[in-house]
Amino acid sequence: MNHKIKSALIITTYNWPKALELVLMSVKNQKIFPTEVIIADDGSKKETKKLIEKFQKDFPIPLKHIWHEDNGFRKSAILNLAISNTNADYIIQLDGDCIIHKNFVGDHLNAIETSTYLFGSRVSIQESFLAALYKNKVVTFSYLSKGIKKRNRNIYLPLLGALLYKKNNELSRKLRGCNLSYWKLDFININGYNEDMTGWGREDSELVIRMINNGVQGKRLKFRSIVYHIWHKESSKEKLNINHTIQENAIKNKSIWCENGVDKYLSEKE
């Protein structure tokens, strides 16, 4: 058990308070809480701020709102800013369109190892179920629940998962930034997210490639640490080629550092 470690659950969001409400409801349902929750807000309007303020009134742990101006898709920058604003030793990352299983936080904390990042599975909520999802404020799903696909990812057998999956130092195609955790120090040692990567795509995998290059291994949390991704239209991929090139350079050059990273926010705090 690693529940004495100070941990922060970082939730990225952008102008989708209806989804964020369900995500925060699922955080309140956790069997084990992180030390704090930080909403990393990529420039949402006032509706999101009002929603967070409503939850802050009776949230079981500190709930912070870190915001920057809307200047296009800048997930890397808002994550760096949010992570620079926590004293937690361990970071658990989640997207604001992913409802979490009641054991999600505990599954990450129970699997912590030194020099290791963890990543879990993502079940898909179908478009046809959205009306019922929002009307009934559904935040728990069993294997047979309506409205989900990739149902086998919703099998919860944590002991089996722990037996099957071991650490390795190869980038997994299953890696998703919406279900990822790591030591804050491992993040700072590679200068966090590369803010040259704007627009959707590759920012999480490029981060992990630099971690791997710096001696951090990955471990998949199969049959545990489950999230339920709310359907939405795909994001614009206009910057994907640029981001892919940055990632390919990180692989080729065995990079462990990015110039445009988290250190600018950390130096402001010194």
C-alpha atoms as a PDB file:
ATOM      1  CA  MET A   1       0.000   0.000   0.000  1.00  0.00           C
ATOM      2  CA  ASN A   2       1.302   3.432  -0.959  1.00  0.00           C
ATOM      3  CA  HIS A   3      -1.482   5.592   0.401  1.00  0.00           C
ATOM      4  CA  LYS A   4       0.887   7.684   2.543  1.00  0.00           C
ATOM      5  CA  ILE A   5       2.559   9.033  -0.586  1.00  0.00           C
ATOM      6  CA  LYS A   6       1.294  12.517  -1.455  1.00  0.00           C
ATOM      7  CA  SER A   7      -0.531  12.142  -4.765  1.00  0.00           C
ATOM      8  CA  ALA A   8      -2.295  14.533  -7.144  1.00  0.00           C
ATOM      9  CA  LEU A   9      -4.993  13.534  -9.616  1.00  0.00           C
ATOM     10  CA  ILE A  10      -4.620  15.952 -12.562  1.00  0.00           C
ATOM     11  CA  ILE A  11      -7.712  16.228 -14.801  1.00  0.00           C
ATOM     12  CA  THR A  12      -7.426  18.062 -18.131  1.00  0.00           C
ATOM     13  CA  THR A  13     -10.523  19.820 -19.456  1.00  0.00           C
ATOM     14  CA  TYR A  14     -11.703  22.247 -22.118  1.00  0.00           C
ATOM     15  CA  ASN A  15     -15.245  23.672 -22.354  1.00  0.00           C
ATOM     16  CA  TRP A  16     -17.122  20.462 -21.529  1.00  0.00           C
ATOM     17  CA  PRO A  17     -18.631  20.924 -18.050  1.00  0.00           C
ATOM     18  CA  LYS A  18     -21.315  18.278 -18.672  1.00  0.00           C
ATOM     19  CA  ALA A  19     -18.635  15.609 -18.990  1.00  0.00           C
ATOM     20  CA  LEU A  20     -16.451  17.059 -16.220  1.00  0.00           C
ATOM     21  CA  GLU A  21     -19.397  16.894 -13.807  1.00  0.00           C
ATOM     22  CA  LEU A  22     -19.647  13.109 -14.271  1.00  0.00           C
ATOM     23  CA  VAL A  23     -15.879  12.730 -13.952  1.00  0.00           C
ATOM     24  CA  LEU A  24     -15.842  14.649 -10.643  1.00  0.00           C
ATOM     25  CA  MET A  25     -18.813  12.603  -9.393  1.00  0.00           C
ATOM     26  CA  SER A  26     -16.781   9.458 -10.101  1.00  0.00           C
ATOM     27  CA  VAL A  27     -13.820  10.938  -8.201  1.00  0.00           C
ATOM     28  CA  LYS A  28     -16.091  11.439  -5.178  1.00  0.00           C
ATOM     29  CA  ASN A  29     -16.974   7.718  -5.421  1.00  0.00           C
ATOM     30  CA  GLN A  30     -13.356   6.570  -5.025  1.00  0.00           C
ATOM     31  CA  LYS A  31     -12.573   4.001  -2.333  1.00  0.00           C
ATOM     32  CA  ILE A  32      -9.139   5.614  -1.900  1.00  0.00           C
ATOM     33  CA  PHE A  33      -8.623   9.322  -2.554  1.00  0.00           C
ATOM     34  CA  PRO A  34      -5.560  11.109  -3.855  1.00  0.00           C
ATOM     35  CA  THR A  35      -4.152  13.873  -1.644  1.00  0.00           C
ATOM     36  CA  GLU A  36      -5.651  16.487  -3.974  1.00  0.00           C
ATOM     37  CA  VAL A  37      -7.355  16.942  -7.337  1.00  0.00           C
ATOM     38  CA  ILE A  38      -6.244  19.605  -9.819  1.00  0.00           C
ATOM     39  CA  ILE A  39      -8.319  20.601 -12.845  1.00  0.00           C
ATOM     40  CA  ALA A  40      -5.883  21.548 -15.623  1.00  0.00           C
ATOM     41  CA  ASP A  41      -8.120  23.841 -17.679  1.00  0.00           C
ATOM     42  CA  ASP A  42      -6.963  24.680 -21.213  1.00  0.00           C
ATOM     43  CA  GLY A  43      -8.963  27.930 -21.362  1.00  0.00           C
ATOM     44  CA  SER A  44     -12.597  27.008 -20.656  1.00  0.00           C
ATOM     45  CA  LYS A  45     -15.343  29.628 -20.270  1.00  0.00           C
ATOM     46  CA  LYS A  46     -17.143  30.531 -17.021  1.00  0.00           C
ATOM     47  CA  GLU A  47     -19.476  27.490 -16.999  1.00  0.00           C
ATOM     48  CA  THR A  48     -16.543  25.237 -16.120  1.00  0.00           C
ATOM     49  CA  LYS A  49     -15.373  27.594 -13.352  1.00  0.00           C
ATOM     50  CA  LYS A  50     -18.888  27.654 -11.851  1.00  0.00           C
ATOM     51  CA  LEU A  51     -19.104  23.852 -11.935  1.00  0.00           C
ATOM     52  CA  ILE A  52     -15.762  23.467 -10.147  1.00  0.00           C
ATOM     53  CA  GLU A  53     -16.781  26.040  -7.507  1.00  0.00           C
ATOM     54  CA  LYS A  54     -19.975  24.046  -6.875  1.00  0.00           C
ATOM     55  CA  PHE A  55     -17.965  20.845  -6.320  1.00  0.00           C
ATOM     56  CA  GLN A  56     -15.418  22.647  -4.118  1.00  0.00           C
ATOM     57  CA  LYS A  57     -18.130  23.316  -1.512  1.00  0.00           C
ATOM     58  CA  ASP A  58     -18.307  19.696  -0.345  1.00  0.00           C
ATOM     59  CA  PHE A  59     -15.473  17.879  -2.118  1.00  0.00           C
ATOM     60  CA  PRO A  60     -13.815  15.301   0.197  1.00  0.00           C
ATOM     61  CA  ILE A  61     -10.269  16.503  -0.624  1.00  0.00           C
ATOM     62  CA  PRO A  62      -8.753  19.779  -1.904  1.00  0.00           C
ATOM     63  CA  LEU A  63      -9.964  20.572  -5.440  1.00  0.00           C
ATOM     64  CA  LYS A  64      -7.869  23.172  -7.288  1.00  0.00           C
ATOM     65  CA  HIS A  65      -8.595  24.897 -10.595  1.00  0.00           C
ATOM     66  CA  ILE A  66      -5.546  25.857 -12.713  1.00  0.00           C
ATOM     67  CA  TRP A  67      -6.529  27.837 -15.835  1.00  0.00           C
ATOM     68  CA  HIS A  68      -4.781  29.613 -18.675  1.00  0.00           C
ATOM     69  CA  GLU A  69      -6.180  31.625 -21.590  1.00  0.00           C
ATOM     70  CA  ASP A  70      -7.679  29.866 -24.576  1.00  0.00           C
ATOM     71  CA  ASN A  71      -5.022  30.030 -27.263  1.00  0.00           C
ATOM     72  CA  GLY A  72      -5.735  26.802 -29.126  1.00  0.00           C
ATOM     73  CA  PHE A  73      -4.985  23.239 -27.991  1.00  0.00           C
ATOM     74  CA  ARG A  74      -2.223  23.642 -25.390  1.00  0.00           C
ATOM     75  CA  LYS A  75      -2.552  20.501 -23.307  1.00  0.00           C
ATOM     76  CA  SER A  76       1.207  20.263 -22.782  1.00  0.00           C
ATOM     77  CA  ALA A  77       1.387  23.779 -21.322  1.00  0.00           C
ATOM     78  CA  ILE A  78      -1.591  23.448 -18.978  1.00  0.00           C
ATOM     79  CA  LEU A  79      -0.322  20.106 -17.672  1.00  0.00           C
ATOM     80  CA  ASN A  80       3.104  21.586 -16.982  1.00  0.00           C
ATOM     81  CA  LEU A  81       1.480  24.537 -15.201  1.00  0.00           C
ATOM     82  CA  ALA A  82      -0.821  22.290 -13.138  1.00  0.00           C
ATOM     83  CA  ILE A  83       1.965  19.895 -12.122  1.00  0.00           C
ATOM     84  CA  SER A  84       4.186  22.826 -11.124  1.00  0.00           C
ATOM     85  CA  ASN A  85       1.384  23.833  -8.726  1.00  0.00           C
ATOM     86  CA  THR A  86       1.348  20.651  -6.647  1.00  0.00           C
ATOM     87  CA  ASN A  87       3.577  19.497  -3.805  1.00  0.00           C
ATOM     88  CA  ALA A  88       2.553  15.885  -4.464  1.00  0.00           C
ATOM     89  CA  ASP A  89       5.255  13.280  -5.019  1.00  0.00           C
ATOM     90  CA  TYR A  90       3.148  11.211  -7.410  1.00  0.00           C
ATOM     91  CA  ILE A  91       0.985  12.304 -10.358  1.00  0.00           C
ATOM     92  CA  ILE A  92      -2.064  10.459 -11.704  1.00  0.00           C
ATOM     93  CA  GLN A  93      -3.305  11.837 -15.016  1.00  0.00           C
ATOM     94  CA  LEU A  94      -6.854  11.765 -16.325  1.00  0.00           C
ATOM     95  CA  ASP A  95      -8.812  13.500 -19.076  1.00  0.00           C
ATOM     96  CA  GLY A  96     -12.012  15.399 -18.322  1.00  0.00           C
ATOM     97  CA  ASP A  97     -14.016  13.091 -20.604  1.00  0.00           C
ATOM     98  CA  CYS A  98     -13.137   9.895 -18.697  1.00  0.00           C
ATOM     99  CA  ILE A  99     -15.319   8.614 -15.845  1.00  0.00           C
ATOM    100  CA  ILE A 100     -13.279   6.460 -13.458  1.00  0.00           C
ATOM    101  CA  HIS A 101     -13.895   3.075 -11.826  1.00  0.00           C
ATOM    102  CA  LYS A 102     -14.294   3.303  -8.032  1.00  0.00           C
ATOM    103  CA  ASN A 103     -10.857   1.659  -7.550  1.00  0.00           C
ATOM    104  CA  PHE A 104      -9.053   3.768 -10.171  1.00  0.00           C
ATOM    105  CA  VAL A 105      -6.965   5.894  -7.795  1.00  0.00           C
ATOM    106  CA  GLY A 106      -6.292   2.984  -5.434  1.00  0.00           C
ATOM    107  CA  ASP A 107      -5.198   0.770  -8.326  1.00  0.00           C
ATOM    108  CA  HIS A 108      -2.575   3.313  -9.369  1.00  0.00           C
ATOM    109  CA  LEU A 109      -1.358   3.920  -5.814  1.00  0.00           C
ATOM    110  CA  ASN A 110      -1.171   0.193  -5.012  1.00  0.00           C
ATOM    111  CA  ALA A 111       0.976  -0.456  -8.096  1.00  0.00           C
ATOM    112  CA  ILE A 112       3.564   2.300  -7.541  1.00  0.00           C
ATOM    113  CA  GLU A 113       7.199   1.300  -8.056  1.00  0.00           C
ATOM    114  CA  THR A 114      10.377   3.357  -8.227  1.00  0.00           C
ATOM    115  CA  SER A 115      11.464   4.593 -11.688  1.00  0.00           C
ATOM    116  CA  THR A 116       8.206   3.320 -13.205  1.00  0.00           C
ATOM    117  CA  TYR A 117       5.255   4.889 -14.981  1.00  0.00           C
ATOM    118  CA  LEU A 118       1.882   3.114 -15.037  1.00  0.00           C
ATOM    119  CA  PHE A 119      -0.901   3.096 -17.616  1.00  0.00           C
ATOM    120  CA  GLY A 120      -4.345   1.509 -17.623  1.00  0.00           C
ATOM    121  CA  SER A 121      -7.255   0.593 -19.889  1.00  0.00           C
ATOM    122  CA  ARG A 122      -9.995   2.667 -21.493  1.00  0.00           C
ATOM    123  CA  VAL A 123     -13.556   1.433 -22.079  1.00  0.00           C
ATOM    124  CA  SER A 124     -15.592   3.360 -24.684  1.00  0.00           C
ATOM    125  CA  ILE A 125     -19.028   4.850 -23.941  1.00  0.00           C
ATOM    126  CA  GLN A 126     -21.112   4.813 -27.125  1.00  0.00           C
ATOM    127  CA  GLU A 127     -22.598   7.888 -28.789  1.00  0.00           C
ATOM    128  CA  SER A 128     -26.104   6.337 -28.668  1.00  0.00           C
ATOM    129  CA  PHE A 129     -25.900   6.205 -24.835  1.00  0.00           C
ATOM    130  CA  LEU A 130     -25.013   9.874 -24.257  1.00  0.00           C
ATOM    131  CA  ALA A 131     -28.574  11.120 -23.632  1.00  0.00           C
ATOM    132  CA  ALA A 132     -29.147   8.473 -20.946  1.00  0.00           C
ATOM    133  CA  LEU A 133     -25.649   9.000 -19.525  1.00  0.00           C
ATOM    134  CA  TYR A 134     -26.259  12.698 -18.870  1.00  0.00           C
ATOM    135  CA  LYS A 135     -29.927  12.407 -17.883  1.00  0.00           C
ATOM    136  CA  ASN A 136     -29.282   9.688 -15.292  1.00  0.00           C
ATOM    137  CA  LYS A 137     -25.777  10.886 -14.385  1.00  0.00           C
ATOM    138  CA  VAL A 138     -24.332   7.378 -14.788  1.00  0.00           C
ATOM    139  CA  VAL A 139     -20.883   6.998 -13.234  1.00  0.00           C
ATOM    140  CA  THR A 140     -20.690   3.250 -12.538  1.00  0.00           C
ATOM    141  CA  PHE A 141     -20.542   0.487 -15.144  1.00  0.00           C
ATOM    142  CA  SER A 142     -20.585  -3.274 -14.754  1.00  0.00           C
ATOM    143  CA  TYR A 143     -19.419  -5.759 -17.388  1.00  0.00           C
ATOM    144  CA  LEU A 144     -22.991  -6.014 -18.717  1.00  0.00           C
ATOM    145  CA  SER A 145     -23.859  -2.305 -18.536  1.00  0.00           C
ATOM    146  CA  LYS A 146     -25.638  -0.770 -21.519  1.00  0.00           C
ATOM    147  CA  GLY A 147     -23.885   1.808 -23.641  1.00  0.00           C
ATOM    148  CA  ILE A 148     -20.300   0.562 -23.538  1.00  0.00           C
ATOM    149  CA  LYS A 149     -18.062  -1.151 -26.081  1.00  0.00           C
ATOM    150  CA  LYS A 150     -14.617  -2.741 -25.789  1.00  0.00           C
ATOM    151  CA  ARG A 151     -16.357  -4.478 -22.905  1.00  0.00           C
ATOM    152  CA  ASN A 152     -13.514  -6.896 -22.156  1.00  0.00           C
ATOM    153  CA  ARG A 153     -11.482  -3.936 -20.931  1.00  0.00           C
ATOM    154  CA  ASN A 154     -14.097  -3.629 -18.175  1.00  0.00           C
ATOM    155  CA  ILE A 155     -13.162  -6.961 -16.562  1.00  0.00           C
ATOM    156  CA  TYR A 156     -11.862  -6.175 -13.063  1.00  0.00           C
ATOM    157  CA  LEU A 157      -9.333  -8.807 -11.918  1.00  0.00           C
ATOM    158  CA  PRO A 158      -6.430  -6.853 -10.363  1.00  0.00           C
ATOM    159  CA  LEU A 159      -4.527  -9.877  -9.023  1.00  0.00           C
ATOM    160  CA  LEU A 160      -4.506 -11.509 -12.468  1.00  0.00           C
ATOM    161  CA  GLY A 161      -3.363  -8.238 -14.038  1.00  0.00           C
ATOM    162  CA  ALA A 162      -0.491  -7.980 -11.551  1.00  0.00           C
ATOM    163  CA  LEU A 163       0.623 -11.516 -12.410  1.00  0.00           C
ATOM    164  CA  LEU A 164       0.417 -11.085 -16.188  1.00  0.00           C
ATOM    165  CA  TYR A 165       2.074  -7.726 -16.742  1.00  0.00           C
ATOM    166  CA  LYS A 166       5.633  -6.840 -15.767  1.00  0.00           C
ATOM    167  CA  LYS A 167       7.782  -3.762 -16.308  1.00  0.00           C
ATOM    168  CA  ASN A 168       9.480  -3.100 -19.627  1.00  0.00           C
ATOM    169  CA  ASN A 169      11.206  -0.225 -21.392  1.00  0.00           C
ATOM    170  CA  GLU A 170       9.333  -0.231 -24.698  1.00  0.00           C
ATOM    171  CA  LEU A 171       6.635   2.285 -25.614  1.00  0.00           C
ATOM    172  CA  SER A 172       3.268   0.500 -25.636  1.00  0.00           C
ATOM    173  CA  ARG A 173       0.682   1.194 -28.325  1.00  0.00           C
ATOM    174  CA  LYS A 174      -1.876   0.883 -25.506  1.00  0.00           C
ATOM    175  CA  LEU A 175      -0.534   3.955 -23.702  1.00  0.00           C
ATOM    176  CA  ARG A 176      -3.079   6.743 -23.197  1.00  0.00           C
ATOM    177  CA  GLY A 177      -2.516  10.032 -21.388  1.00  0.00           C
ATOM    178  CA  CYS A 178      -6.047   9.753 -19.986  1.00  0.00           C
ATOM    179  CA  ASN A 179      -4.908   6.886 -17.719  1.00  0.00           C
ATOM    180  CA  LEU A 180      -1.284   7.454 -16.796  1.00  0.00           C
ATOM    181  CA  SER A 181       0.727   7.932 -13.591  1.00  0.00           C
ATOM    182  CA  TYR A 182       4.344   8.619 -12.667  1.00  0.00           C
ATOM    183  CA  TRP A 183       6.634  10.138 -10.058  1.00  0.00           C
ATOM    184  CA  LYS A 184       6.753  13.934 -10.204  1.00  0.00           C
ATOM    185  CA  LEU A 185      10.553  13.772  -9.938  1.00  0.00           C
ATOM    186  CA  ASP A 186      10.756  11.527 -13.028  1.00  0.00           C
ATOM    187  CA  PHE A 187       8.624  14.159 -14.816  1.00  0.00           C
ATOM    188  CA  ILE A 188      10.822  17.086 -13.712  1.00  0.00           C
ATOM    189  CA  ASN A 189      14.019  15.198 -14.611  1.00  0.00           C
ATOM    190  CA  ILE A 190      12.987  15.254 -18.308  1.00  0.00           C
ATOM    191  CA  ASN A 191      11.519  18.805 -18.103  1.00  0.00           C
ATOM    192  CA  GLY A 192       7.918  17.594 -18.335  1.00  0.00           C
ATOM    193  CA  TYR A 193       5.751  18.019 -21.412  1.00  0.00           C
ATOM    194  CA  ASN A 194       7.224  19.517 -24.576  1.00  0.00           C
ATOM    195  CA  GLU A 195       5.276  22.735 -25.184  1.00  0.00           C
ATOM    196  CA  ASP A 196       6.481  22.877 -28.790  1.00  0.00           C
ATOM    197  CA  MET A 197       3.759  20.240 -29.269  1.00  0.00           C
ATOM    198  CA  THR A 198       0.458  22.082 -29.724  1.00  0.00           C
ATOM    199  CA  GLY A 199      -2.679  20.643 -31.237  1.00  0.00           C
ATOM    200  CA  TRP A 200      -3.838  17.067 -30.693  1.00  0.00           C
ATOM    201  CA  GLY A 201      -1.520  14.089 -30.766  1.00  0.00           C
ATOM    202  CA  ARG A 202       1.701  12.466 -29.513  1.00  0.00           C
ATOM    203  CA  GLU A 203       2.294  14.747 -26.514  1.00  0.00           C
ATOM    204  CA  ASP A 204       1.835  11.917 -23.991  1.00  0.00           C
ATOM    205  CA  SER A 205       3.855   9.302 -25.898  1.00  0.00           C
ATOM    206  CA  GLU A 206       6.704  11.786 -26.529  1.00  0.00           C
ATOM    207  CA  LEU A 207       6.827  12.513 -22.786  1.00  0.00           C
ATOM    208  CA  VAL A 208       7.023   8.783 -22.031  1.00  0.00           C
ATOM    209  CA  ILE A 209       9.719   8.207 -24.678  1.00  0.00           C
ATOM    210  CA  ARG A 210      11.960  10.703 -22.875  1.00  0.00           C
ATOM    211  CA  MET A 211      11.176   9.005 -19.554  1.00  0.00           C
ATOM    212  CA  ILE A 212      12.179   5.641 -21.035  1.00  0.00           C
ATOM    213  CA  ASN A 213      15.367   7.203 -22.436  1.00  0.00           C
ATOM    214  CA  ASN A 214      16.095   8.399 -18.882  1.00  0.00           C
ATOM    215  CA  GLY A 215      15.766   4.911 -17.362  1.00  0.00           C
ATOM    216  CA  VAL A 216      12.084   4.889 -16.347  1.00  0.00           C
ATOM    217  CA  GLN A 217      10.213   1.691 -17.215  1.00  0.00           C
ATOM    218  CA  GLY A 218       6.510   1.266 -17.976  1.00  0.00           C
ATOM    219  CA  LYS A 219       3.951  -1.137 -16.587  1.00  0.00           C
ATOM    220  CA  ARG A 220       0.467  -1.795 -17.894  1.00  0.00           C
ATOM    221  CA  LEU A 221      -2.354  -1.998 -15.348  1.00  0.00           C
ATOM    222  CA  LYS A 222      -4.444  -4.624 -17.107  1.00  0.00           C
ATOM    223  CA  PHE A 223      -7.772  -5.681 -15.476  1.00  0.00           C
ATOM    224  CA  ARG A 224      -7.589  -2.678 -13.102  1.00  0.00           C
ATOM    225  CA  SER A 225      -7.331   1.132 -13.204  1.00  0.00           C
ATOM    226  CA  ILE A 226     -10.263   1.359 -15.656  1.00  0.00           C
ATOM    227  CA  VAL A 227     -11.634   4.558 -17.227  1.00  0.00           C
ATOM    228  CA  TYR A 228     -14.798   5.051 -19.303  1.00  0.00           C
ATOM    229  CA  HIS A 229     -14.266   7.429 -22.201  1.00  0.00           C
ATOM    230  CA  ILE A 230     -17.293   9.564 -23.133  1.00  0.00           C
ATOM    231  CA  TRP A 231     -17.845   9.631 -26.891  1.00  0.00           C
ATOM    232  CA  HIS A 232     -17.079  12.862 -28.744  1.00  0.00           C
ATOM    233  CA  LYS A 233     -16.159  13.932 -32.247  1.00  0.00           C
ATOM    234  CA  GLU A 234     -12.480  13.480 -33.031  1.00  0.00           C
ATOM    235  CA  SER A 235     -10.169  16.414 -32.411  1.00  0.00           C
ATOM    236  CA  SER A 236      -8.501  18.212 -35.295  1.00  0.00           C
ATOM    237  CA  LYS A 237      -5.320  16.438 -36.360  1.00  0.00           C
ATOM    238  CA  GLU A 238      -3.814  19.369 -38.279  1.00  0.00           C
ATOM    239  CA  LYS A 239      -0.726  19.504 -36.026  1.00  0.00           C
ATOM    240  CA  LEU A 240      -0.227  15.738 -35.884  1.00  0.00           C
ATOM    241  CA  ASN A 241       2.566  15.655 -38.504  1.00  0.00           C
ATOM    242  CA  ILE A 242       4.564  18.320 -36.627  1.00  0.00           C
ATOM    243  CA  ASN A 243       4.088  16.518 -33.300  1.00  0.00           C
ATOM    244  CA  HIS A 244       4.953  13.154 -34.858  1.00  0.00           C
ATOM    245  CA  THR A 245       8.227  14.616 -36.161  1.00  0.00           C
ATOM    246  CA  ILE A 246       9.106  15.916 -32.686  1.00  0.00           C
ATOM    247  CA  GLN A 247       8.426  12.435 -31.284  1.00  0.00           C
ATOM    248  CA  GLU A 248      10.512  10.736 -34.002  1.00  0.00           C
ATOM    249  CA  ASN A 249      13.402  13.084 -33.186  1.00  0.00           C
ATOM    250  CA  ALA A 250      13.132  12.172 -29.475  1.00  0.00           C
ATOM    251  CA  ILE A 251      13.439   8.492 -30.441  1.00  0.00           C
ATOM    252  CA  LYS A 252      16.283   9.025 -32.906  1.00  0.00           C
ATOM    253  CA  ASN A 253      18.296  11.319 -30.622  1.00  0.00           C
ATOM    254  CA  LYS A 254      17.508   9.314 -27.455  1.00  0.00           C
ATOM    255  CA  SER A 255      16.383  12.632 -25.949  1.00  0.00           C
ATOM    256  CA  ILE A 256      15.776  12.927 -22.219  1.00  0.00           C
ATOM    257  CA  TRP A 257      15.145  16.698 -22.146  1.00  0.00           C
ATOM    258  CA  CYS A 258      12.952  19.209 -23.975  1.00  0.00           C
ATOM    259  CA  GLU A 259      13.913  22.881 -24.031  1.00  0.00           C
ATOM    260  CA  ASN A 260      10.357  24.269 -23.830  1.00  0.00           C
ATOM    261  CA  GLY A 261       9.136  22.439 -20.725  1.00  0.00           C
ATOM    262  CA  VAL A 262       8.055  22.686 -17.098  1.00  0.00           C
ATOM    263  CA  ASP A 263      11.190  24.353 -15.727  1.00  0.00           C
ATOM    264  CA  LYS A 264       9.960  27.868 -16.627  1.00  0.00           C
ATOM    265  CA  TYR A 265       7.082  27.511 -14.111  1.00  0.00           C
ATOM    266  CA  LEU A 266       9.263  25.934 -11.432  1.00  0.00           C
ATOM    267  CA  SER A 267      11.833  28.742 -11.618  1.00  0.00           C
ATOM    268  CA  GLU A 268       9.042  31.284 -11.040  1.00  0.00           C
ATOM    269  CA  LYS A 269       8.298  29.604  -7.707  1.00  0.00           C
ATOM    270  CA  GLU A 270      11.890  29.705  -6.420  1.00  0.00           C
END
